[in-house]
Amino acid sequence: MEKRKSIAAGFDIGGAHLKVTRAQDGRIVEAVTIATPLWQGLQTLTSAFEESAPIYAGADLNAFTMTGELADVFPSRDAGVAALLDEISTRFAGEKLIYAGPSGFVGVEQAARLSSDVASANWHATASLVATLAGDALFVDMGSTTTDIIAIRNGAVANDGYTDAGRLLSGELVYTGFTRTFLFGVASSAPVRGRLTPLMNEYFASIADAHRILG
C-alpha cells in the first residue's frame, strides 16, 4: 500500500489578496493569488477561501500569516486579528498554526493573546526563512501596497523595528507598492505632451496604471 503524502497548506491573508500554497512532502506543488478587497467586507475573504478550496483540500496542517487585520472593515487592528482568527477557526478543521513573529507558529488560542505579534507579521516569516539561507543579506520584498526592507545578519533577522509603526520610523517599511500606490504618493508632477504637469490629488490612477503604460 502506497504511503499517503504529507500535505500542508500555507495562507497569507492580506487586505487586498489571499495567497494560498499547497506543499506535499515538503515541496510546494501549487499556489494561487486571489483578489480579496477586504475593505468591501469579510465576504470577499470567504469567497476566496471557497475558490481556493481545491488547493488546501485534505491538508494535514494549515498555517497562516496576515496583514488583512488593517482593512477598514475592522474597527481596530486587534478586532481585525480576532475576526480573522474566528474565520480560520470556523472554516478549517485539523491543525491550525498562526505565525506570531518572535514566538513562531502558535495555535489559534495563543494567537488571540498575541495579537500585536500576529498582526502584519508576514514580513518576519519571509525574512526568517531567508535568514536560514543567507548569512548576511539585504532582503527587499515589494508587495501590492508596501515594500519591506529587511536586514539579515549572521543568519538572523536584524531589523530595528517589528511593528508597522516601528518599521515606518526606522525606514524599514516603505508605503510604496507595485499596484495599489496612488500616483500622487510618489510624484507631484509628470511630463504630459512635453510639459511638466502637476498631478491631481485624486484617486483616478494608481502605480499599476503606470506599469501598464510604461511596461
N, C-alpha and C. Protein backbone atom coordinates (compact mmCIF):
# COMPACT_ATOMS: atom_id res chain seq x y z
N MET A 1 0.85 -1.19 0.00
CA MET A 1 0.00 0.00 0.00
C MET A 1 0.88 1.24 0.00
N GLU A 2 0.60 2.18 -0.90
CA GLU A 2 1.41 3.38 -1.03
C GLU A 2 1.18 4.30 0.17
N LYS A 3 2.26 4.80 0.74
CA LYS A 3 2.17 5.70 1.88
C LYS A 3 1.57 7.03 1.46
N ARG A 4 0.63 7.54 2.26
CA ARG A 4 -0.01 8.81 1.97
C ARG A 4 0.98 9.95 2.13
N LYS A 5 0.94 10.88 1.18
CA LYS A 5 1.84 12.02 1.24
C LYS A 5 1.39 13.01 2.32
N SER A 6 2.36 13.59 3.03
CA SER A 6 2.07 14.64 4.00
C SER A 6 1.73 15.93 3.25
N ILE A 7 0.60 16.54 3.60
CA ILE A 7 0.12 17.73 2.89
C ILE A 7 -0.01 18.89 3.86
N ALA A 8 0.57 20.02 3.50
CA ALA A 8 0.44 21.25 4.28
C ALA A 8 -0.02 22.38 3.37
N ALA A 9 -0.82 23.27 3.91
CA ALA A 9 -1.28 24.44 3.15
C ALA A 9 -0.84 25.70 3.88
N GLY A 10 -0.39 26.68 3.11
CA GLY A 10 0.02 27.96 3.68
C GLY A 10 -0.85 29.08 3.14
N PHE A 11 -1.21 30.01 4.02
CA PHE A 11 -2.10 31.11 3.66
C PHE A 11 -1.51 32.44 4.13
N ASP A 12 -1.54 33.43 3.25
CA ASP A 12 -1.23 34.80 3.65
C ASP A 12 -2.50 35.62 3.40
N ILE A 13 -3.14 36.06 4.49
CA ILE A 13 -4.40 36.79 4.39
C ILE A 13 -4.09 38.28 4.37
N GLY A 14 -4.10 38.87 3.18
CA GLY A 14 -3.82 40.28 3.04
C GLY A 14 -5.10 41.10 2.96
N GLY A 15 -4.94 42.40 2.96
CA GLY A 15 -6.10 43.27 2.82
C GLY A 15 -6.59 43.39 1.40
N ALA A 16 -5.75 42.99 0.44
CA ALA A 16 -6.12 43.08 -0.97
C ALA A 16 -6.07 41.74 -1.69
N HIS A 17 -5.28 40.79 -1.15
CA HIS A 17 -5.15 39.48 -1.81
C HIS A 17 -5.04 38.36 -0.78
N LEU A 18 -5.55 37.21 -1.14
CA LEU A 18 -5.32 35.97 -0.40
C LEU A 18 -4.36 35.13 -1.21
N LYS A 19 -3.27 34.70 -0.58
CA LYS A 19 -2.30 33.82 -1.24
C LYS A 19 -2.37 32.46 -0.56
N VAL A 20 -2.47 31.41 -1.37
CA VAL A 20 -2.60 30.05 -0.85
C VAL A 20 -1.59 29.15 -1.56
N THR A 21 -0.88 28.33 -0.80
CA THR A 21 0.06 27.37 -1.38
C THR A 21 -0.23 25.98 -0.82
N ARG A 22 0.12 24.99 -1.59
CA ARG A 22 -0.03 23.59 -1.18
C ARG A 22 1.34 22.93 -1.27
N ALA A 23 1.74 22.26 -0.21
CA ALA A 23 3.02 21.54 -0.19
C ALA A 23 2.77 20.07 0.12
N GLN A 24 3.45 19.22 -0.60
CA GLN A 24 3.39 17.78 -0.37
C GLN A 24 4.79 17.26 -0.10
N ASP A 25 4.93 16.63 1.06
CA ASP A 25 6.24 16.11 1.48
C ASP A 25 7.31 17.19 1.42
N GLY A 26 6.96 18.40 1.86
CA GLY A 26 7.91 19.49 1.95
C GLY A 26 8.20 20.21 0.66
N ARG A 27 7.47 19.92 -0.39
CA ARG A 27 7.71 20.56 -1.69
C ARG A 27 6.44 21.27 -2.15
N ILE A 28 6.56 22.55 -2.51
CA ILE A 28 5.41 23.32 -2.98
C ILE A 28 5.00 22.80 -4.36
N VAL A 29 3.72 22.45 -4.49
CA VAL A 29 3.23 21.88 -5.74
C VAL A 29 2.17 22.75 -6.41
N GLU A 30 1.62 23.71 -5.67
CA GLU A 30 0.58 24.55 -6.26
C GLU A 30 0.46 25.84 -5.46
N ALA A 31 0.12 26.94 -6.15
CA ALA A 31 -0.06 28.23 -5.47
C ALA A 31 -1.03 29.08 -6.27
N VAL A 32 -1.73 29.95 -5.56
CA VAL A 32 -2.68 30.84 -6.22
C VAL A 32 -2.78 32.14 -5.43
N THR A 33 -3.03 33.23 -6.14
CA THR A 33 -3.31 34.53 -5.53
C THR A 33 -4.68 35.00 -6.00
N ILE A 34 -5.54 35.36 -5.05
CA ILE A 34 -6.91 35.76 -5.36
C ILE A 34 -7.17 37.14 -4.78
N ALA A 35 -7.74 38.03 -5.57
CA ALA A 35 -8.07 39.37 -5.09
C ALA A 35 -9.13 39.28 -3.99
N THR A 36 -8.85 39.95 -2.86
CA THR A 36 -9.79 39.97 -1.73
C THR A 36 -9.82 41.39 -1.16
N PRO A 37 -10.56 42.30 -1.76
CA PRO A 37 -10.65 43.66 -1.22
C PRO A 37 -11.42 43.68 0.10
N LEU A 38 -10.72 43.40 1.19
CA LEU A 38 -11.37 43.24 2.49
C LEU A 38 -12.12 44.48 2.94
N TRP A 39 -11.71 45.64 2.45
CA TRP A 39 -12.42 46.86 2.84
C TRP A 39 -13.87 46.85 2.36
N GLN A 40 -14.19 45.95 1.44
CA GLN A 40 -15.56 45.82 0.96
C GLN A 40 -16.38 44.84 1.80
N GLY A 41 -15.73 44.15 2.72
CA GLY A 41 -16.44 43.23 3.59
C GLY A 41 -15.74 41.88 3.70
N LEU A 42 -16.00 41.20 4.82
CA LEU A 42 -15.34 39.92 5.08
C LEU A 42 -15.77 38.83 4.10
N GLN A 43 -16.89 39.05 3.41
CA GLN A 43 -17.36 38.04 2.46
C GLN A 43 -16.39 37.87 1.30
N THR A 44 -15.56 38.88 1.02
CA THR A 44 -14.57 38.73 -0.05
C THR A 44 -13.54 37.66 0.31
N LEU A 45 -13.19 37.58 1.60
CA LEU A 45 -12.26 36.54 2.05
C LEU A 45 -12.95 35.18 2.04
N THR A 46 -14.20 35.15 2.49
CA THR A 46 -14.96 33.90 2.48
C THR A 46 -15.03 33.32 1.07
N SER A 47 -15.32 34.17 0.11
CA SER A 47 -15.40 33.72 -1.29
C SER A 47 -14.06 33.21 -1.79
N ALA A 48 -12.97 33.90 -1.39
CA ALA A 48 -11.64 33.48 -1.82
C ALA A 48 -11.26 32.13 -1.22
N PHE A 49 -11.62 31.92 0.05
CA PHE A 49 -11.38 30.61 0.66
C PHE A 49 -12.12 29.50 -0.11
N GLU A 50 -13.36 29.79 -0.49
CA GLU A 50 -14.14 28.79 -1.22
C GLU A 50 -13.52 28.52 -2.60
N GLU A 51 -13.06 29.58 -3.26
CA GLU A 51 -12.47 29.42 -4.59
C GLU A 51 -11.17 28.62 -4.54
N SER A 52 -10.41 28.80 -3.47
CA SER A 52 -9.10 28.13 -3.37
C SER A 52 -9.18 26.79 -2.66
N ALA A 53 -10.37 26.34 -2.30
CA ALA A 53 -10.53 25.09 -1.54
C ALA A 53 -9.83 23.88 -2.16
N PRO A 54 -9.83 23.73 -3.50
CA PRO A 54 -9.14 22.56 -4.06
C PRO A 54 -7.65 22.52 -3.73
N ILE A 55 -7.05 23.69 -3.48
CA ILE A 55 -5.62 23.72 -3.19
C ILE A 55 -5.32 23.19 -1.79
N TYR A 56 -6.17 23.55 -0.82
CA TYR A 56 -5.88 23.11 0.55
C TYR A 56 -6.70 21.89 0.98
N ALA A 57 -7.44 21.32 0.07
CA ALA A 57 -8.25 20.13 0.40
C ALA A 57 -7.36 19.00 0.91
N GLY A 58 -7.76 18.39 2.00
CA GLY A 58 -7.03 17.25 2.54
C GLY A 58 -5.75 17.59 3.27
N ALA A 59 -5.50 18.87 3.53
CA ALA A 59 -4.26 19.26 4.21
C ALA A 59 -4.25 18.76 5.65
N ASP A 60 -3.10 18.25 6.07
CA ASP A 60 -2.92 17.83 7.46
C ASP A 60 -2.66 19.02 8.37
N LEU A 61 -2.13 20.08 7.78
CA LEU A 61 -1.76 21.28 8.54
C LEU A 61 -2.07 22.51 7.70
N ASN A 62 -2.67 23.52 8.34
CA ASN A 62 -2.91 24.81 7.70
C ASN A 62 -2.19 25.88 8.50
N ALA A 63 -1.31 26.64 7.84
CA ALA A 63 -0.52 27.67 8.51
C ALA A 63 -0.83 29.03 7.90
N PHE A 64 -0.90 30.07 8.76
CA PHE A 64 -1.39 31.37 8.33
C PHE A 64 -0.48 32.52 8.77
N THR A 65 -0.35 33.50 7.86
CA THR A 65 0.12 34.83 8.23
C THR A 65 -0.96 35.81 7.81
N MET A 66 -0.89 37.04 8.30
CA MET A 66 -1.93 38.00 7.94
C MET A 66 -1.44 39.44 7.98
N THR A 67 -2.04 40.24 7.11
CA THR A 67 -1.98 41.71 7.19
C THR A 67 -3.38 42.30 7.01
N GLY A 68 -4.35 41.44 6.73
CA GLY A 68 -5.70 41.90 6.45
C GLY A 68 -6.39 42.54 7.63
N GLU A 69 -5.84 42.38 8.83
CA GLU A 69 -6.45 43.00 10.01
C GLU A 69 -6.46 44.52 9.94
N LEU A 70 -5.68 45.08 9.00
CA LEU A 70 -5.62 46.53 8.84
C LEU A 70 -6.77 47.09 8.00
N ALA A 71 -7.57 46.23 7.40
CA ALA A 71 -8.62 46.69 6.49
C ALA A 71 -9.64 47.57 7.21
N ASP A 72 -10.20 48.52 6.47
CA ASP A 72 -11.14 49.48 7.04
C ASP A 72 -12.39 48.83 7.60
N VAL A 73 -12.69 47.61 7.19
CA VAL A 73 -13.90 46.94 7.65
C VAL A 73 -13.85 46.62 9.15
N PHE A 74 -12.64 46.62 9.74
CA PHE A 74 -12.48 46.33 11.16
C PHE A 74 -12.29 47.62 11.95
N PRO A 75 -12.87 47.74 13.14
CA PRO A 75 -12.74 48.98 13.93
C PRO A 75 -11.35 49.21 14.50
N SER A 76 -10.56 48.15 14.65
CA SER A 76 -9.20 48.27 15.17
C SER A 76 -8.38 47.09 14.69
N ARG A 77 -7.07 47.20 14.87
CA ARG A 77 -6.19 46.10 14.46
C ARG A 77 -6.47 44.84 15.27
N ASP A 78 -6.63 44.99 16.59
CA ASP A 78 -6.92 43.83 17.43
C ASP A 78 -8.23 43.17 17.02
N ALA A 79 -9.24 43.99 16.71
CA ALA A 79 -10.52 43.44 16.27
C ALA A 79 -10.37 42.70 14.95
N GLY A 80 -9.51 43.22 14.08
CA GLY A 80 -9.26 42.55 12.81
C GLY A 80 -8.60 41.20 12.99
N VAL A 81 -7.60 41.14 13.86
CA VAL A 81 -6.95 39.85 14.15
C VAL A 81 -7.97 38.86 14.70
N ALA A 82 -8.80 39.32 15.64
CA ALA A 82 -9.80 38.44 16.24
C ALA A 82 -10.79 37.92 15.20
N ALA A 83 -11.23 38.80 14.30
CA ALA A 83 -12.19 38.39 13.27
C ALA A 83 -11.58 37.37 12.31
N LEU A 84 -10.33 37.58 11.93
CA LEU A 84 -9.68 36.65 11.02
C LEU A 84 -9.41 35.30 11.69
N LEU A 85 -9.06 35.34 12.98
CA LEU A 85 -8.87 34.09 13.71
C LEU A 85 -10.19 33.32 13.83
N ASP A 86 -11.29 34.04 14.03
CA ASP A 86 -12.60 33.39 14.08
C ASP A 86 -12.93 32.72 12.74
N GLU A 87 -12.61 33.43 11.65
CA GLU A 87 -12.87 32.87 10.32
C GLU A 87 -12.04 31.59 10.11
N ILE A 88 -10.79 31.62 10.55
CA ILE A 88 -9.92 30.46 10.42
C ILE A 88 -10.45 29.29 11.24
N SER A 89 -10.85 29.57 12.49
CA SER A 89 -11.33 28.52 13.38
C SER A 89 -12.60 27.87 12.85
N THR A 90 -13.47 28.69 12.27
CA THR A 90 -14.75 28.20 11.76
C THR A 90 -14.58 27.36 10.51
N ARG A 91 -13.69 27.78 9.63
CA ARG A 91 -13.59 27.16 8.31
C ARG A 91 -12.69 25.93 8.28
N PHE A 92 -11.63 25.92 9.06
CA PHE A 92 -10.61 24.88 8.90
C PHE A 92 -10.64 23.88 10.06
N ALA A 93 -10.64 22.62 9.70
CA ALA A 93 -10.53 21.55 10.69
C ALA A 93 -9.06 21.15 10.82
N GLY A 94 -8.77 20.32 11.80
CA GLY A 94 -7.40 19.84 11.95
C GLY A 94 -6.48 20.89 12.54
N GLU A 95 -5.19 20.65 12.38
CA GLU A 95 -4.19 21.52 12.99
C GLU A 95 -4.12 22.86 12.26
N LYS A 96 -4.15 23.94 13.05
CA LYS A 96 -4.07 25.30 12.50
C LYS A 96 -2.98 26.05 13.26
N LEU A 97 -2.04 26.64 12.54
CA LEU A 97 -0.96 27.39 13.15
C LEU A 97 -0.94 28.81 12.60
N ILE A 98 -0.71 29.77 13.49
CA ILE A 98 -0.69 31.19 13.14
C ILE A 98 0.71 31.72 13.42
N TYR A 99 1.28 32.47 12.48
CA TYR A 99 2.63 32.99 12.70
C TYR A 99 2.56 34.21 13.61
N ALA A 100 3.36 34.18 14.68
CA ALA A 100 3.36 35.25 15.68
C ALA A 100 4.75 35.82 15.90
N GLY A 101 5.48 36.05 14.83
CA GLY A 101 6.78 36.72 14.92
C GLY A 101 7.77 35.98 15.79
N PRO A 102 8.29 36.64 16.84
CA PRO A 102 9.32 36.02 17.69
C PRO A 102 8.87 34.71 18.34
N SER A 103 7.55 34.54 18.50
CA SER A 103 7.03 33.31 19.10
C SER A 103 6.89 32.18 18.09
N GLY A 104 7.12 32.48 16.81
CA GLY A 104 6.99 31.47 15.78
C GLY A 104 5.53 31.12 15.51
N PHE A 105 5.29 29.88 15.10
CA PHE A 105 3.93 29.43 14.83
C PHE A 105 3.27 28.95 16.13
N VAL A 106 2.05 29.45 16.37
CA VAL A 106 1.33 29.11 17.59
C VAL A 106 -0.10 28.71 17.22
N GLY A 107 -0.80 28.10 18.17
CA GLY A 107 -2.19 27.74 17.95
C GLY A 107 -3.10 28.96 17.96
N VAL A 108 -4.35 28.75 17.56
CA VAL A 108 -5.28 29.87 17.43
C VAL A 108 -5.52 30.56 18.77
N GLU A 109 -5.70 29.79 19.85
CA GLU A 109 -5.97 30.39 21.15
C GLU A 109 -4.81 31.24 21.62
N GLN A 110 -3.59 30.76 21.45
CA GLN A 110 -2.43 31.55 21.85
C GLN A 110 -2.28 32.76 20.94
N ALA A 111 -2.59 32.61 19.66
CA ALA A 111 -2.51 33.74 18.73
C ALA A 111 -3.44 34.87 19.14
N ALA A 112 -4.60 34.52 19.69
CA ALA A 112 -5.55 35.54 20.14
C ALA A 112 -4.97 36.37 21.28
N ARG A 113 -4.08 35.78 22.06
CA ARG A 113 -3.44 36.51 23.16
C ARG A 113 -2.20 37.27 22.70
N LEU A 114 -1.77 37.00 21.47
CA LEU A 114 -0.55 37.63 20.93
C LEU A 114 -0.88 38.45 19.69
N SER A 115 -2.02 39.15 19.72
CA SER A 115 -2.48 39.83 18.50
C SER A 115 -1.48 40.86 17.99
N SER A 116 -0.74 41.52 18.88
CA SER A 116 0.23 42.51 18.41
C SER A 116 1.40 41.86 17.69
N ASP A 117 1.71 40.59 18.02
CA ASP A 117 2.77 39.86 17.32
C ASP A 117 2.25 39.23 16.04
N VAL A 118 0.97 38.84 16.04
CA VAL A 118 0.36 38.22 14.86
C VAL A 118 0.12 39.24 13.76
N ALA A 119 -0.30 40.46 14.15
CA ALA A 119 -0.67 41.49 13.18
C ALA A 119 0.49 41.84 12.26
N SER A 120 0.25 41.74 10.97
CA SER A 120 1.22 42.15 9.94
C SER A 120 2.59 41.51 10.12
N ALA A 121 2.60 40.24 10.50
CA ALA A 121 3.87 39.56 10.77
C ALA A 121 4.40 38.80 9.57
N ASN A 122 3.73 38.89 8.41
CA ASN A 122 4.18 38.08 7.27
C ASN A 122 5.59 38.44 6.82
N TRP A 123 5.97 39.71 6.97
CA TRP A 123 7.32 40.12 6.58
C TRP A 123 8.36 39.36 7.40
N HIS A 124 8.08 39.15 8.68
CA HIS A 124 9.02 38.47 9.57
C HIS A 124 9.12 36.99 9.23
N ALA A 125 8.00 36.40 8.81
CA ALA A 125 8.01 34.99 8.41
C ALA A 125 8.91 34.79 7.20
N THR A 126 8.75 35.67 6.20
CA THR A 126 9.58 35.58 5.00
C THR A 126 11.04 35.80 5.33
N ALA A 127 11.30 36.84 6.13
CA ALA A 127 12.68 37.17 6.48
C ALA A 127 13.35 36.05 7.26
N SER A 128 12.61 35.41 8.15
CA SER A 128 13.17 34.32 8.94
C SER A 128 13.56 33.14 8.06
N LEU A 129 12.76 32.89 7.03
CA LEU A 129 13.11 31.82 6.08
C LEU A 129 14.37 32.19 5.30
N VAL A 130 14.42 33.43 4.80
CA VAL A 130 15.59 33.88 4.05
C VAL A 130 16.84 33.80 4.92
N ALA A 131 16.69 34.12 6.21
CA ALA A 131 17.84 34.12 7.12
C ALA A 131 18.47 32.73 7.24
N THR A 132 17.67 31.68 7.05
CA THR A 132 18.23 30.33 7.12
C THR A 132 19.05 29.99 5.88
N LEU A 133 18.89 30.79 4.82
CA LEU A 133 19.57 30.52 3.56
C LEU A 133 20.73 31.47 3.30
N ALA A 134 20.69 32.64 3.92
CA ALA A 134 21.73 33.66 3.68
C ALA A 134 22.23 34.20 5.01
N GLY A 135 23.53 34.12 5.22
CA GLY A 135 24.09 34.59 6.48
C GLY A 135 23.95 36.08 6.66
N ASP A 136 24.34 36.85 5.64
CA ASP A 136 24.24 38.31 5.67
C ASP A 136 23.63 38.77 4.35
N ALA A 137 22.56 39.56 4.44
CA ALA A 137 21.88 39.99 3.21
C ALA A 137 20.98 41.17 3.49
N LEU A 138 20.64 41.88 2.43
CA LEU A 138 19.59 42.89 2.48
C LEU A 138 18.45 42.35 1.62
N PHE A 139 17.34 42.06 2.25
CA PHE A 139 16.20 41.45 1.58
C PHE A 139 15.12 42.50 1.37
N VAL A 140 14.73 42.71 0.11
CA VAL A 140 13.72 43.71 -0.23
C VAL A 140 12.52 42.99 -0.84
N ASP A 141 11.36 43.18 -0.25
CA ASP A 141 10.14 42.50 -0.69
C ASP A 141 9.08 43.54 -1.01
N MET A 142 8.76 43.71 -2.30
CA MET A 142 7.73 44.67 -2.72
C MET A 142 6.42 43.94 -2.95
N GLY A 143 5.39 44.35 -2.24
CA GLY A 143 4.07 43.79 -2.42
C GLY A 143 3.17 44.75 -3.16
N SER A 144 1.87 44.51 -3.09
CA SER A 144 0.93 45.36 -3.81
C SER A 144 0.81 46.75 -3.20
N THR A 145 1.08 46.86 -1.89
CA THR A 145 0.86 48.12 -1.17
C THR A 145 2.12 48.70 -0.56
N THR A 146 3.00 47.84 -0.05
CA THR A 146 4.18 48.31 0.67
C THR A 146 5.43 47.57 0.22
N THR A 147 6.58 48.09 0.66
CA THR A 147 7.87 47.44 0.42
C THR A 147 8.58 47.25 1.75
N ASP A 148 9.02 46.02 2.02
CA ASP A 148 9.77 45.71 3.23
C ASP A 148 11.26 45.72 2.91
N ILE A 149 12.03 46.39 3.75
CA ILE A 149 13.49 46.42 3.63
C ILE A 149 14.04 45.75 4.88
N ILE A 150 14.61 44.56 4.71
CA ILE A 150 14.89 43.69 5.84
C ILE A 150 16.38 43.34 5.88
N ALA A 151 17.00 43.61 7.01
CA ALA A 151 18.41 43.28 7.20
C ALA A 151 18.54 41.87 7.76
N ILE A 152 19.43 41.08 7.14
CA ILE A 152 19.76 39.74 7.62
C ILE A 152 21.22 39.77 8.05
N ARG A 153 21.49 39.42 9.30
CA ARG A 153 22.87 39.46 9.80
C ARG A 153 23.15 38.20 10.62
N ASN A 154 24.23 37.52 10.25
CA ASN A 154 24.63 36.30 10.96
C ASN A 154 23.49 35.28 11.02
N GLY A 155 22.75 35.19 9.92
CA GLY A 155 21.69 34.20 9.83
C GLY A 155 20.46 34.50 10.66
N ALA A 156 20.25 35.79 10.99
CA ALA A 156 19.08 36.16 11.79
C ALA A 156 18.53 37.50 11.30
N VAL A 157 17.23 37.71 11.52
CA VAL A 157 16.61 38.99 11.17
C VAL A 157 17.16 40.06 12.10
N ALA A 158 17.64 41.17 11.53
CA ALA A 158 18.33 42.18 12.32
C ALA A 158 17.68 43.56 12.20
N ASN A 159 16.41 43.62 11.88
CA ASN A 159 15.74 44.91 11.76
C ASN A 159 15.61 45.60 13.11
N ASP A 160 15.56 46.93 13.08
CA ASP A 160 15.37 47.71 14.30
C ASP A 160 13.91 47.67 14.75
N GLY A 161 12.97 47.69 13.79
CA GLY A 161 11.55 47.72 14.14
C GLY A 161 10.89 46.38 13.91
N TYR A 162 9.73 46.19 14.56
CA TYR A 162 8.94 44.98 14.31
C TYR A 162 7.53 45.33 13.84
N THR A 163 6.86 46.21 14.56
CA THR A 163 5.52 46.62 14.16
C THR A 163 5.59 47.54 12.95
N ASP A 164 4.45 47.74 12.30
CA ASP A 164 4.41 48.67 11.17
C ASP A 164 4.88 50.05 11.58
N ALA A 165 4.41 50.52 12.75
CA ALA A 165 4.79 51.86 13.22
C ALA A 165 6.29 51.93 13.45
N GLY A 166 6.85 50.92 14.10
CA GLY A 166 8.28 50.92 14.36
C GLY A 166 9.10 50.85 13.09
N ARG A 167 8.65 50.07 12.12
CA ARG A 167 9.41 49.95 10.87
C ARG A 167 9.26 51.18 9.99
N LEU A 168 8.12 51.86 10.09
CA LEU A 168 7.99 53.14 9.39
C LEU A 168 8.98 54.15 9.93
N LEU A 169 9.12 54.20 11.26
CA LEU A 169 10.04 55.14 11.89
C LEU A 169 11.49 54.83 11.55
N SER A 170 11.82 53.54 11.40
CA SER A 170 13.21 53.16 11.11
C SER A 170 13.52 53.13 9.62
N GLY A 171 12.51 53.35 8.77
CA GLY A 171 12.73 53.32 7.33
C GLY A 171 12.75 51.93 6.74
N GLU A 172 12.33 50.94 7.53
CA GLU A 172 12.35 49.55 7.07
C GLU A 172 11.03 49.13 6.42
N LEU A 173 10.02 49.99 6.50
CA LEU A 173 8.74 49.79 5.81
C LEU A 173 8.44 51.04 5.00
N VAL A 174 8.28 50.87 3.70
CA VAL A 174 8.01 51.99 2.80
C VAL A 174 6.63 51.79 2.20
N TYR A 175 5.76 52.80 2.35
CA TYR A 175 4.40 52.65 1.82
C TYR A 175 4.35 52.98 0.34
N THR A 176 5.08 52.18 -0.42
CA THR A 176 5.03 52.21 -1.88
C THR A 176 5.03 50.77 -2.36
N GLY A 177 4.00 50.40 -3.13
CA GLY A 177 3.90 49.03 -3.62
C GLY A 177 3.86 48.97 -5.13
N PHE A 178 3.55 47.78 -5.63
CA PHE A 178 3.61 47.55 -7.08
C PHE A 178 2.30 47.85 -7.79
N THR A 179 1.19 47.86 -7.04
CA THR A 179 -0.11 48.08 -7.71
C THR A 179 -0.98 49.12 -7.04
N ARG A 180 -1.06 49.18 -5.71
CA ARG A 180 -2.08 49.97 -5.04
C ARG A 180 -1.63 51.37 -4.63
N THR A 181 -0.39 51.74 -4.92
CA THR A 181 0.09 53.08 -4.58
C THR A 181 -0.47 54.11 -5.55
N PHE A 182 -1.04 55.18 -5.02
CA PHE A 182 -1.57 56.23 -5.87
C PHE A 182 -0.44 57.13 -6.37
N LEU A 183 -0.60 57.63 -7.58
CA LEU A 183 0.49 58.36 -8.24
C LEU A 183 0.95 59.57 -7.45
N PHE A 184 0.00 60.30 -6.84
CA PHE A 184 0.41 61.49 -6.12
C PHE A 184 1.18 61.15 -4.84
N GLY A 185 1.26 59.85 -4.51
CA GLY A 185 2.06 59.44 -3.38
C GLY A 185 3.53 59.29 -3.70
N VAL A 186 3.88 59.26 -5.00
CA VAL A 186 5.28 59.07 -5.38
C VAL A 186 5.82 60.21 -6.25
N ALA A 187 4.94 61.08 -6.73
CA ALA A 187 5.39 62.19 -7.59
C ALA A 187 4.39 63.33 -7.49
N SER A 188 4.87 64.53 -7.69
CA SER A 188 4.00 65.71 -7.67
C SER A 188 3.64 66.17 -9.08
N SER A 189 4.39 65.70 -10.08
CA SER A 189 4.12 66.10 -11.46
C SER A 189 4.65 65.03 -12.40
N ALA A 190 4.19 65.09 -13.67
CA ALA A 190 4.62 64.13 -14.69
C ALA A 190 4.61 64.82 -16.05
N PRO A 191 5.51 64.41 -16.96
CA PRO A 191 5.52 65.03 -18.29
C PRO A 191 4.31 64.57 -19.12
N VAL A 192 3.55 65.53 -19.62
CA VAL A 192 2.39 65.25 -20.46
C VAL A 192 2.49 66.12 -21.71
N ARG A 193 2.61 65.48 -22.87
CA ARG A 193 2.74 66.19 -24.15
C ARG A 193 3.84 67.26 -24.09
N GLY A 194 4.96 66.86 -23.50
CA GLY A 194 6.11 67.75 -23.49
C GLY A 194 6.12 68.78 -22.38
N ARG A 195 5.11 68.79 -21.52
CA ARG A 195 5.06 69.78 -20.44
C ARG A 195 4.94 69.06 -19.10
N LEU A 196 5.68 69.58 -18.12
CA LEU A 196 5.60 69.01 -16.77
C LEU A 196 4.27 69.45 -16.15
N THR A 197 3.43 68.47 -15.86
CA THR A 197 2.06 68.75 -15.43
C THR A 197 1.83 68.27 -14.00
N PRO A 198 1.31 69.13 -13.13
CA PRO A 198 1.02 68.70 -11.76
C PRO A 198 0.00 67.55 -11.73
N LEU A 199 0.21 66.62 -10.81
CA LEU A 199 -0.73 65.52 -10.64
C LEU A 199 -1.87 65.94 -9.71
N MET A 200 -3.09 65.52 -10.04
CA MET A 200 -4.24 65.82 -9.21
C MET A 200 -4.25 64.93 -7.97
N ASN A 201 -4.62 65.49 -6.85
CA ASN A 201 -4.72 64.74 -5.60
C ASN A 201 -6.05 63.98 -5.56
N GLU A 202 -6.22 63.08 -6.53
CA GLU A 202 -7.44 62.29 -6.68
C GLU A 202 -7.06 60.83 -6.93
N TYR A 203 -8.02 59.93 -6.68
CA TYR A 203 -7.78 58.50 -6.85
C TYR A 203 -8.15 58.05 -8.26
N PHE A 204 -7.69 58.79 -9.26
CA PHE A 204 -8.03 58.46 -10.64
C PHE A 204 -7.14 57.36 -11.22
N ALA A 205 -5.94 57.23 -10.69
CA ALA A 205 -4.98 56.26 -11.23
C ALA A 205 -4.05 55.79 -10.13
N SER A 206 -3.48 54.61 -10.33
CA SER A 206 -2.53 54.05 -9.38
C SER A 206 -1.23 53.73 -10.10
N ILE A 207 -0.24 53.30 -9.32
CA ILE A 207 1.05 52.96 -9.91
C ILE A 207 0.91 51.78 -10.86
N ALA A 208 -0.13 50.95 -10.68
CA ALA A 208 -0.36 49.83 -11.60
C ALA A 208 -0.64 50.34 -13.01
N ASP A 209 -1.35 51.47 -13.11
CA ASP A 209 -1.61 52.05 -14.43
C ASP A 209 -0.32 52.50 -15.09
N ALA A 210 0.59 53.07 -14.29
CA ALA A 210 1.88 53.49 -14.83
C ALA A 210 2.67 52.29 -15.35
N HIS A 211 2.62 51.17 -14.60
CA HIS A 211 3.32 49.96 -15.06
C HIS A 211 2.72 49.45 -16.37
N ARG A 212 1.40 49.51 -16.48
CA ARG A 212 0.75 49.04 -17.71
C ARG A 212 1.16 49.88 -18.92
N ILE A 213 1.26 51.19 -18.71
CA ILE A 213 1.60 52.10 -19.81
C ILE A 213 3.08 52.01 -20.18
N LEU A 214 3.92 51.99 -19.15
CA LEU A 214 5.37 52.03 -19.38
C LEU A 214 5.96 50.65 -19.63
N GLY A 215 5.24 49.59 -19.23
CA GLY A 215 5.73 48.24 -19.45
C GLY A 215 6.68 47.78 -18.37
